[in-house]
Amino acid sequence: MDQSHKHAELARRLGLFDATMIVMGGIIGSGIFMNPSVVALQVHTPFLILGAWVLGGLFALAAGFIWAELAALRPDVGGQYAYLREAFHPAVAFLYGWVLLLVVQTGGMAAVAVTFARYFVELTHSPIPSPYLAAIVLALLTIINCLGVRAGSTVQSILMVLKILAIAMLVVCGFLFAERSTNPSALLDRPVSPDLLTAFGAALVPVIFAYGGWQTATFVAGEIKEPRKNLPRGLILGVAGVVLLYLAANLVYISVLGPTALAASKAPASDVMRSALGDLGARIIAAGIAISTVGFLSQSMLTAPRVYFAMAKDGLFFQRVGMVHPWTRAPIVAIALQGLLAIVIALLGTYDRILNYVVSVDVIFFGLTACCIFVFRKRENAGANRVPGHPFTTIMFIAVCWLVAINTVFHFPQNTLIGIAILIAGIPAYWFWQQRNSR
């Protein structure tokens, strides 16, 4: 291997604005434009619907503060992977990276890429089949991110600003130009009972997943300037910004559509914009959703490969995946690997099944990562970015994560078992890499 490749390192080229946009870009995809109807199917009054989104927002803010403290204590490349490695064991971190590469990130990117392709075809009437369009956009984003973290982050920030404008347009047009629905005045849709609690808990599940994605910003900690300061601030500002955007969007959904029509809608954002501006409004928001999906893909391609890069640097993956290009200072092999796997899954059309396998596994790792706070605080003095209300808020966050995991096990036992099987398959893979590295 060329000596320049061996000594090239990641470059710290990202500031606070970049970090904030990366946090927001990892959370906001296409879900806020389409998924609020799932919440309205479970609970049927404005108070309960908005209450679910407010509680979900508090959960996300708790996560933001937890990851902010972790980022200040361990501003290392790989982020969440590094926290798990340092707090528990390299095997735990490897299993996280294993699931991230094989299922969570790759399957998610393939699914979002196909969603983009479908909206693009609807808008442009392109004759190119959706899977091929998905592969093309994934290939383009792979190339852009191989040009360096500055190029990838600039594209991601531009797309994130466009996403914010799309949501702002939805909210403004909905309130100014659409007719109001008649909403029920009752706070609750049924008496206070176990049935109400169960329904509200079911409504919280899609809300919590809609707020997920903040953790991916920590993957690029090795490329952020002054990471102990800028990454924690970016996490808190980014999560708070998303909470405000999500609450504003849901206010307009309820105001224009009402709980009943919202529950029946497959595309609430399109219905609101159609009510405000007719078919033109629906086409405008469809373009906004397409941009939002590309923005999410751009953020994923920018962040996730840094985990595989960190694994390779630890000797737990192919050595070349840990290579940094001497000119672009980007982990080009890790980026190419992520792009290639996502393209293959998009073309095969297996992403829906893959995503179903890992819901519980993903949330378990959220809970485990929050536990790192207790380990690090016991070992050393915590920095300035302390979690407000710790240990109560941290324990509540962990409890919610694992309750969601348990709920998923009961509702989708077959998918959960497959997800756990994929996770367990990582154990012999870890032993293989460990033995190979020790030679």
Protein backbone atom coordinates (compact mmCIF):
# COMPACT_ATOMS: atom_id res chain seq x y z
CA MET A 1 0.00 0.00 0.00
CA ASP A 2 1.24 3.54 -0.76
CA GLN A 3 2.82 5.25 2.29
CA SER A 4 0.62 8.33 1.85
CA HIS A 5 -2.46 6.13 2.26
CA LYS A 6 -1.05 4.64 5.46
CA HIS A 7 -0.44 8.00 7.17
CA ALA A 8 -3.46 9.98 5.94
CA GLU A 9 -5.90 10.81 8.73
CA LEU A 10 -9.44 12.15 8.90
CA ALA A 11 -9.56 15.96 8.81
CA ARG A 12 -11.52 18.15 11.25
CA ARG A 13 -13.40 20.38 8.79
CA LEU A 14 -16.92 20.60 10.27
CA GLY A 15 -18.20 23.34 12.58
CA LEU A 16 -21.25 23.88 14.80
CA PHE A 17 -23.62 24.64 11.89
CA ASP A 18 -22.52 21.45 10.10
CA ALA A 19 -23.00 19.38 13.27
CA THR A 20 -26.49 20.82 13.85
CA MET A 21 -27.55 20.16 10.25
CA ILE A 22 -26.19 16.58 10.48
CA VAL A 23 -28.21 15.95 13.66
CA MET A 24 -31.41 17.28 12.08
CA GLY A 25 -30.71 15.48 8.79
CA GLY A 26 -30.36 12.16 10.59
CA ILE A 27 -33.82 12.55 12.14
CA ILE A 28 -35.97 14.13 9.43
CA GLY A 29 -36.69 11.86 6.50
CA SER A 30 -40.05 11.30 4.84
CA GLY A 31 -41.83 10.09 7.99
CA ILE A 32 -43.13 13.45 9.27
CA PHE A 33 -44.89 13.99 5.93
CA MET A 34 -46.69 10.63 5.98
CA ASN A 35 -46.59 8.80 9.33
CA PRO A 36 -48.63 11.04 11.72
CA SER A 37 -51.71 9.13 10.55
CA VAL A 38 -50.38 6.04 12.38
CA VAL A 39 -50.56 7.97 15.66
CA ALA A 40 -54.12 9.15 14.92
CA LEU A 41 -55.18 5.55 14.31
CA GLN A 42 -54.36 4.75 17.96
CA VAL A 43 -55.64 7.87 19.76
CA HIS A 44 -58.42 10.08 18.44
CA THR A 45 -58.38 13.54 20.08
CA PRO A 46 -56.08 16.50 19.39
CA PHE A 47 -54.95 16.46 23.03
CA LEU A 48 -53.81 12.83 22.89
CA ILE A 49 -52.26 13.09 19.42
CA LEU A 50 -50.25 16.19 20.27
CA GLY A 51 -49.51 14.73 23.71
CA ALA A 52 -47.83 11.76 22.05
CA TRP A 53 -45.65 14.06 19.94
CA VAL A 54 -44.79 16.24 22.96
CA LEU A 55 -43.74 13.21 25.02
CA GLY A 56 -41.79 11.87 22.06
CA GLY A 57 -40.08 15.25 21.83
CA LEU A 58 -39.12 15.08 25.51
CA PHE A 59 -37.72 11.59 24.88
CA ALA A 60 -35.67 12.96 21.96
CA LEU A 61 -34.41 15.89 24.06
CA ALA A 62 -33.37 13.47 26.82
CA ALA A 63 -31.49 11.49 24.17
CA GLY A 64 -29.87 14.68 22.88
CA PHE A 65 -28.56 15.55 26.35
CA ILE A 66 -27.35 11.98 27.00
CA TRP A 67 -25.47 11.77 23.70
CA ALA A 68 -24.16 15.32 24.27
CA GLU A 69 -22.50 14.26 27.52
CA LEU A 70 -21.11 11.12 25.87
CA ALA A 71 -19.81 13.17 22.94
CA ALA A 72 -18.03 15.55 25.32
CA LEU A 73 -16.44 12.66 27.22
CA ARG A 74 -15.49 10.59 24.15
CA PRO A 75 -15.21 12.78 21.01
CA ASP A 76 -13.93 9.81 19.02
CA VAL A 77 -14.59 8.72 15.44
CA GLY A 78 -17.46 6.22 15.34
CA GLY A 79 -19.40 7.96 18.13
CA GLN A 80 -21.87 5.46 19.56
CA TYR A 81 -19.58 2.59 18.49
CA ALA A 82 -16.74 4.16 20.52
CA TYR A 83 -18.95 4.70 23.59
CA LEU A 84 -19.97 1.03 23.66
CA ARG A 85 -16.38 -0.09 23.12
CA GLU A 86 -14.97 2.05 25.94
CA ALA A 87 -17.79 1.48 28.43
CA PHE A 88 -18.35 -2.26 27.99
CA HIS A 89 -16.25 -4.32 25.59
CA PRO A 90 -15.08 -4.20 21.95
CA ALA A 91 -17.40 -7.16 21.25
CA VAL A 92 -20.47 -5.10 22.18
CA ALA A 93 -19.32 -2.28 19.89
CA PHE A 94 -18.58 -4.74 17.08
CA LEU A 95 -22.08 -6.22 17.29
CA TYR A 96 -23.52 -2.71 17.01
CA GLY A 97 -21.43 -2.01 13.90
CA TRP A 98 -22.30 -5.46 12.51
CA VAL A 99 -26.06 -4.84 12.74
CA LEU A 100 -25.64 -1.28 11.50
CA LEU A 101 -23.86 -2.39 8.33
CA LEU A 102 -25.83 -5.52 7.50
CA VAL A 103 -29.30 -4.34 8.40
CA VAL A 104 -30.13 -1.03 10.12
CA GLN A 105 -28.31 1.56 8.02
CA THR A 106 -28.10 -0.34 4.76
CA GLY A 107 -31.71 -1.52 4.74
CA GLY A 108 -32.93 1.90 5.83
CA MET A 109 -31.00 3.65 3.08
CA ALA A 110 -32.32 1.25 0.44
CA ALA A 111 -35.91 1.77 1.58
CA VAL A 112 -35.58 5.58 1.62
CA ALA A 113 -33.87 5.57 -1.80
CA VAL A 114 -36.80 3.63 -3.29
CA THR A 115 -39.23 6.07 -1.62
CA PHE A 116 -37.38 8.94 -3.32
CA ALA A 117 -37.51 7.12 -6.66
CA ARG A 118 -41.27 6.63 -6.42
CA TYR A 119 -41.89 10.33 -5.73
CA PHE A 120 -39.45 11.30 -8.49
CA VAL A 121 -41.27 9.08 -11.01
CA GLU A 122 -44.63 10.51 -9.90
CA LEU A 123 -43.36 14.08 -10.39
CA THR A 124 -41.41 13.63 -13.63
CA HIS A 125 -43.08 10.57 -15.20
CA SER A 126 -39.60 9.15 -15.73
CA PRO A 127 -39.56 5.79 -17.57
CA ILE A 128 -36.66 4.55 -15.42
CA PRO A 129 -37.85 1.86 -12.93
CA SER A 130 -37.77 2.91 -9.25
CA PRO A 131 -35.05 0.44 -8.14
CA TYR A 132 -32.68 1.72 -10.84
CA LEU A 133 -33.36 5.35 -9.89
CA ALA A 134 -32.68 4.42 -6.26
CA ALA A 135 -29.37 2.85 -7.28
CA ILE A 136 -28.42 5.96 -9.29
CA VAL A 137 -29.03 8.39 -6.41
CA LEU A 138 -27.14 6.12 -3.99
CA ALA A 139 -24.19 5.94 -6.43
CA LEU A 140 -24.13 9.75 -6.84
CA LEU A 141 -24.14 10.32 -3.07
CA THR A 142 -21.39 7.72 -2.66
CA ILE A 143 -19.20 9.62 -5.15
CA ILE A 144 -19.92 13.01 -3.53
CA ASN A 145 -18.95 11.74 -0.07
CA CYS A 146 -15.78 10.15 -1.42
CA LEU A 147 -14.72 13.68 -2.44
CA GLY A 148 -14.32 14.56 1.24
CA VAL A 149 -16.26 15.34 4.41
CA ARG A 150 -16.53 19.03 3.42
CA ALA A 151 -18.21 18.16 0.10
CA GLY A 152 -20.53 15.62 1.71
CA SER A 153 -21.46 17.97 4.55
CA THR A 154 -22.13 20.92 2.22
CA VAL A 155 -24.57 18.85 0.15
CA GLN A 156 -26.20 17.51 3.32
CA SER A 157 -26.56 21.02 4.82
CA ILE A 158 -28.14 22.41 1.64
CA LEU A 159 -30.64 19.55 1.54
CA MET A 160 -31.38 20.00 5.25
CA VAL A 161 -32.17 23.70 4.77
CA LEU A 162 -34.52 22.73 1.91
CA LYS A 163 -36.21 20.21 4.25
CA ILE A 164 -36.77 22.93 6.85
CA LEU A 165 -38.25 25.18 4.16
CA ALA A 166 -40.57 22.36 3.00
CA ILE A 167 -41.94 21.84 6.51
CA ALA A 168 -42.22 25.60 7.07
CA MET A 169 -44.15 25.95 3.79
CA LEU A 170 -46.48 23.11 4.82
CA VAL A 171 -47.21 24.82 8.15
CA VAL A 172 -47.65 28.35 6.74
CA CYS A 173 -49.80 27.28 3.78
CA GLY A 174 -51.89 25.00 5.96
CA PHE A 175 -52.69 27.72 8.50
CA LEU A 176 -53.16 30.56 5.98
CA PHE A 177 -54.93 28.96 3.01
CA ALA A 178 -56.58 25.66 4.07
CA GLU A 179 -60.02 25.34 5.63
CA ARG A 180 -60.17 24.31 9.28
CA SER A 181 -61.72 21.04 10.37
CA THR A 182 -64.10 20.64 13.28
CA ASN A 183 -62.19 18.96 16.09
CA PRO A 184 -63.68 17.14 19.11
CA SER A 185 -63.58 19.21 22.31
CA ALA A 186 -62.99 16.22 24.62
CA LEU A 187 -59.46 15.70 25.90
CA LEU A 188 -59.72 11.90 25.95
CA ASP A 189 -61.33 9.51 23.48
CA ARG A 190 -62.20 6.95 26.19
CA PRO A 191 -62.26 6.74 29.99
CA VAL A 192 -58.97 6.55 31.87
CA SER A 193 -58.23 2.82 31.84
CA PRO A 194 -55.62 0.23 30.88
CA ASP A 195 -57.09 0.35 27.36
CA LEU A 196 -56.30 4.09 27.11
CA LEU A 197 -52.75 3.56 28.40
CA THR A 198 -52.20 0.70 25.94
CA ALA A 199 -53.47 2.80 23.01
CA PHE A 200 -51.34 5.77 24.03
CA GLY A 201 -48.30 3.51 24.37
CA ALA A 202 -48.95 2.14 20.88
CA ALA A 203 -49.18 5.73 19.57
CA LEU A 204 -45.82 6.56 21.14
CA VAL A 205 -43.94 3.82 19.26
CA PRO A 206 -44.08 5.44 15.77
CA VAL A 207 -43.44 8.84 17.38
CA ILE A 208 -40.24 7.63 19.07
CA PHE A 209 -39.00 6.13 15.81
CA ALA A 210 -39.85 9.37 13.96
CA TYR A 211 -37.54 11.20 16.39
CA GLY A 212 -34.74 8.62 15.99
CA GLY A 213 -31.48 9.29 14.18
CA TRP A 214 -29.78 11.86 16.44
CA GLN A 215 -27.03 9.34 17.28
CA THR A 216 -25.61 9.20 13.75
CA ALA A 217 -24.10 12.69 14.09
CA THR A 218 -21.67 11.29 16.67
CA PHE A 219 -20.17 8.99 14.04
CA VAL A 220 -18.33 11.97 12.48
CA ALA A 221 -16.89 13.22 15.81
CA GLY A 222 -13.40 12.69 14.41
CA GLU A 223 -14.05 15.32 11.72
CA ILE A 224 -15.68 18.06 13.82
CA LYS A 225 -13.67 21.06 14.97
CA GLU A 226 -13.54 21.37 18.78
CA PRO A 227 -15.76 18.27 19.13
CA ARG A 228 -16.08 18.53 22.93
CA LYS A 229 -17.85 21.87 22.40
CA ASN A 230 -19.45 21.77 18.95
CA LEU A 231 -20.85 18.23 18.88
CA PRO A 232 -22.81 18.47 22.19
CA ARG A 233 -24.18 21.87 21.17
CA GLY A 234 -25.09 20.55 17.73
CA LEU A 235 -26.93 17.58 19.28
CA ILE A 236 -29.04 19.74 21.60
CA LEU A 237 -29.77 22.46 19.02
CA GLY A 238 -30.53 19.91 16.30
CA VAL A 239 -32.91 17.80 18.39
CA ALA A 240 -34.69 20.90 19.76
CA GLY A 241 -35.12 22.21 16.21
CA VAL A 242 -36.66 18.94 15.04
CA VAL A 243 -39.07 18.87 18.00
CA LEU A 244 -40.32 22.37 17.10
CA LEU A 245 -40.75 21.44 13.41
CA TYR A 246 -42.58 18.18 14.24
CA LEU A 247 -44.97 19.86 16.69
CA ALA A 248 -45.74 22.63 14.18
CA ALA A 249 -46.42 20.06 11.43
CA ASN A 250 -48.77 18.06 13.66
CA LEU A 251 -50.62 21.20 14.73
CA VAL A 252 -51.40 21.96 11.10
CA TYR A 253 -52.39 18.34 10.37
CA ILE A 254 -54.91 18.39 13.22
CA SER A 255 -56.13 21.90 12.42
CA VAL A 256 -56.78 21.16 8.74
CA LEU A 257 -57.64 17.46 8.66
CA GLY A 258 -58.86 16.69 12.19
CA PRO A 259 -58.21 13.36 13.96
CA THR A 260 -60.62 11.29 11.84
CA ALA A 261 -59.35 12.41 8.42
CA LEU A 262 -55.75 12.30 9.68
CA ALA A 263 -56.18 8.67 10.72
CA ALA A 264 -57.63 7.82 7.29
CA SER A 265 -54.95 9.67 5.33
CA LYS A 266 -52.03 7.84 3.70
CA ALA A 267 -50.22 11.12 2.95
CA PRO A 268 -51.28 13.86 5.41
CA ALA A 269 -48.83 16.46 4.07
CA SER A 270 -50.17 16.04 0.54
CA ASP A 271 -53.76 16.28 1.77
CA VAL A 272 -53.04 19.50 3.69
CA MET A 273 -51.26 21.11 0.74
CA ARG A 274 -54.00 19.99 -1.67
CA SER A 275 -56.55 21.63 0.64
CA ALA A 276 -54.45 24.82 0.70
CA LEU A 277 -53.25 25.16 -2.91
CA GLY A 278 -54.99 22.42 -4.88
CA ASP A 279 -53.08 19.93 -7.04
CA LEU A 280 -50.18 22.38 -7.32
CA GLY A 281 -49.75 22.24 -3.54
CA ALA A 282 -49.71 18.44 -3.60
CA ARG A 283 -47.02 18.46 -6.30
CA ILE A 284 -44.93 21.02 -4.39
CA ILE A 285 -44.96 18.97 -1.20
CA ALA A 286 -44.21 15.80 -3.21
CA ALA A 287 -41.05 17.58 -4.41
CA GLY A 288 -40.34 18.53 -0.80
CA ILE A 289 -40.67 14.90 0.29
CA ALA A 290 -38.36 13.77 -2.52
CA ILE A 291 -35.75 16.34 -1.41
CA SER A 292 -36.19 15.24 2.21
CA THR A 293 -35.49 11.60 1.33
CA VAL A 294 -32.34 12.55 -0.61
CA GLY A 295 -31.24 14.66 2.36
CA PHE A 296 -31.64 11.70 4.70
CA LEU A 297 -29.64 9.50 2.31
CA SER A 298 -26.91 12.15 2.07
CA GLN A 299 -26.63 12.29 5.87
CA SER A 300 -26.52 8.49 6.14
CA MET A 301 -23.78 8.23 3.51
CA LEU A 302 -21.81 10.92 5.33
CA THR A 303 -22.03 9.40 8.82
CA ALA A 304 -22.40 5.60 8.93
CA PRO A 305 -19.18 4.67 7.06
CA ARG A 306 -17.20 6.24 9.93
CA VAL A 307 -18.34 3.37 12.16
CA TYR A 308 -16.97 0.74 9.76
CA PHE A 309 -13.81 2.86 9.49
CA ALA A 310 -13.46 2.77 13.30
CA MET A 311 -14.04 -1.00 13.32
CA ALA A 312 -11.24 -1.46 10.77
CA LYS A 313 -8.92 0.78 12.80
CA ASP A 314 -9.60 -1.47 15.81
CA GLY A 315 -8.61 -4.50 13.75
CA LEU A 316 -12.18 -5.82 13.69
CA PHE A 317 -12.84 -5.44 9.97
CA PHE A 318 -11.01 -5.46 6.65
CA GLN A 319 -7.88 -3.33 6.92
CA ARG A 320 -8.60 -1.42 3.70
CA VAL A 321 -11.91 -0.18 5.13
CA GLY A 322 -9.77 1.88 7.52
CA MET A 323 -7.97 3.62 4.65
CA VAL A 324 -8.18 7.41 4.32
CA HIS A 325 -7.56 8.93 0.88
CA PRO A 326 -4.57 11.30 1.10
CA TRP A 327 -6.22 14.02 -1.04
CA THR A 328 -9.86 13.98 0.06
CA ARG A 329 -9.12 12.81 3.64
CA ALA A 330 -12.26 10.65 3.43
CA PRO A 331 -12.60 6.92 4.31
CA ILE A 332 -13.38 6.12 0.69
CA VAL A 333 -13.44 2.30 1.01
CA ALA A 334 -15.89 2.44 3.94
CA ILE A 335 -18.09 4.88 1.99
CA ALA A 336 -17.98 2.73 -1.15
CA LEU A 337 -18.85 -0.36 0.90
CA GLN A 338 -21.91 1.35 2.41
CA GLY A 339 -23.06 2.61 -0.99
CA LEU A 340 -22.58 -0.73 -2.73
CA LEU A 341 -24.51 -2.73 -0.12
CA ALA A 342 -27.39 -0.22 -0.13
CA ILE A 343 -27.54 -0.37 -3.95
CA VAL A 344 -27.63 -4.20 -3.92
CA ILE A 345 -30.48 -4.28 -1.38
CA ALA A 346 -32.41 -1.58 -3.27
CA LEU A 347 -32.14 -3.60 -6.50
CA LEU A 348 -33.08 -6.87 -4.78
CA GLY A 349 -36.11 -5.26 -3.09
CA THR A 350 -35.53 -6.98 0.28
CA TYR A 351 -35.29 -3.80 2.40
CA ASP A 352 -38.81 -3.98 3.89
CA ARG A 353 -38.20 -7.43 5.34
CA ILE A 354 -34.75 -6.44 6.59
CA LEU A 355 -36.04 -3.38 8.45
CA ASN A 356 -38.67 -5.45 10.21
CA TYR A 357 -35.95 -7.65 11.70
CA VAL A 358 -34.08 -5.01 13.67
CA VAL A 359 -36.58 -2.73 15.35
CA SER A 360 -36.02 -4.27 18.79
CA VAL A 361 -32.26 -4.70 18.32
CA ASP A 362 -31.81 -1.02 17.40
CA VAL A 363 -33.68 0.19 20.50
CA ILE A 364 -31.74 -2.19 22.76
CA PHE A 365 -28.51 -0.52 21.63
CA PHE A 366 -30.03 2.91 22.40
CA GLY A 367 -30.63 1.74 25.97
CA LEU A 368 -27.16 0.21 26.25
CA THR A 369 -25.55 3.42 25.00
CA ALA A 370 -27.40 5.48 27.61
CA CYS A 371 -26.01 3.08 30.26
CA CYS A 372 -22.53 4.27 29.23
CA ILE A 373 -23.21 7.48 31.19
CA PHE A 374 -23.20 5.54 34.46
CA VAL A 375 -19.98 3.72 33.54
CA PHE A 376 -18.08 6.84 32.50
CA ARG A 377 -19.27 8.88 35.49
CA LYS A 378 -18.06 6.17 37.85
CA ARG A 379 -14.64 6.04 36.16
CA GLU A 380 -13.97 9.75 35.77
CA ASN A 381 -15.26 13.26 36.42
CA ALA A 382 -17.95 14.26 33.96
CA GLY A 383 -17.48 17.40 31.91
CA ALA A 384 -19.64 20.49 31.61
CA ASN A 385 -22.29 18.79 29.42
CA ARG A 386 -24.15 16.96 32.15
CA VAL A 387 -27.56 15.35 31.54
CA PRO A 388 -30.27 17.43 33.29
CA GLY A 389 -32.12 15.42 35.94
CA HIS A 390 -29.64 12.52 35.84
CA PRO A 391 -30.03 9.73 36.95
CA PHE A 392 -33.84 9.97 36.75
CA THR A 393 -34.02 11.18 33.14
CA THR A 394 -31.38 8.69 31.98
CA ILE A 395 -33.12 5.77 33.71
CA MET A 396 -36.47 6.82 32.20
CA PHE A 397 -34.89 6.97 28.75
CA ILE A 398 -33.40 3.49 29.15
CA ALA A 399 -36.72 2.13 30.46
CA VAL A 400 -38.64 3.54 27.47
CA CYS A 401 -36.11 2.02 25.04
CA TRP A 402 -36.37 -1.43 26.53
CA LEU A 403 -40.16 -1.26 26.94
CA VAL A 404 -40.39 -0.53 23.21
CA ALA A 405 -38.09 -3.52 22.57
CA ILE A 406 -40.26 -5.79 24.75
CA ASN A 407 -43.42 -4.52 23.03
CA THR A 408 -41.87 -5.34 19.65
CA VAL A 409 -40.98 -8.86 20.82
CA PHE A 410 -44.59 -9.53 21.83
CA HIS A 411 -46.15 -8.02 18.69
CA PHE A 412 -43.63 -9.28 16.11
CA PRO A 413 -41.97 -12.38 17.62
CA GLN A 414 -40.86 -13.89 14.29
CA ASN A 415 -39.19 -10.70 13.02
CA THR A 416 -37.55 -10.15 16.42
CA LEU A 417 -36.11 -13.67 16.47
CA ILE A 418 -34.62 -13.14 13.01
CA GLY A 419 -33.13 -9.83 14.18
CA ILE A 420 -31.61 -11.50 17.25
CA ALA A 421 -30.26 -14.28 15.04
CA ILE A 422 -28.51 -11.68 12.84
CA LEU A 423 -27.07 -10.12 16.00
CA ILE A 424 -25.85 -13.47 17.37
CA ALA A 425 -24.27 -14.28 14.01
CA GLY A 426 -21.96 -11.37 14.72
CA ILE A 427 -20.36 -13.20 17.67
CA PRO A 428 -18.35 -15.73 15.58
CA ALA A 429 -17.53 -12.88 13.18
CA TYR A 430 -16.05 -10.92 16.11
CA TRP A 431 -14.00 -13.94 17.19
CA PHE A 432 -12.72 -14.36 13.63
CA TRP A 433 -11.55 -10.73 13.36
CA GLN A 434 -10.10 -10.78 16.87
CA GLN A 435 -8.07 -13.93 16.14
CA ARG A 436 -6.97 -12.55 12.79
CA ASN A 437 -5.83 -9.31 14.41
CA SER A 438 -3.89 -11.10 17.17
CA ARG A 439 -1.72 -13.03 14.70
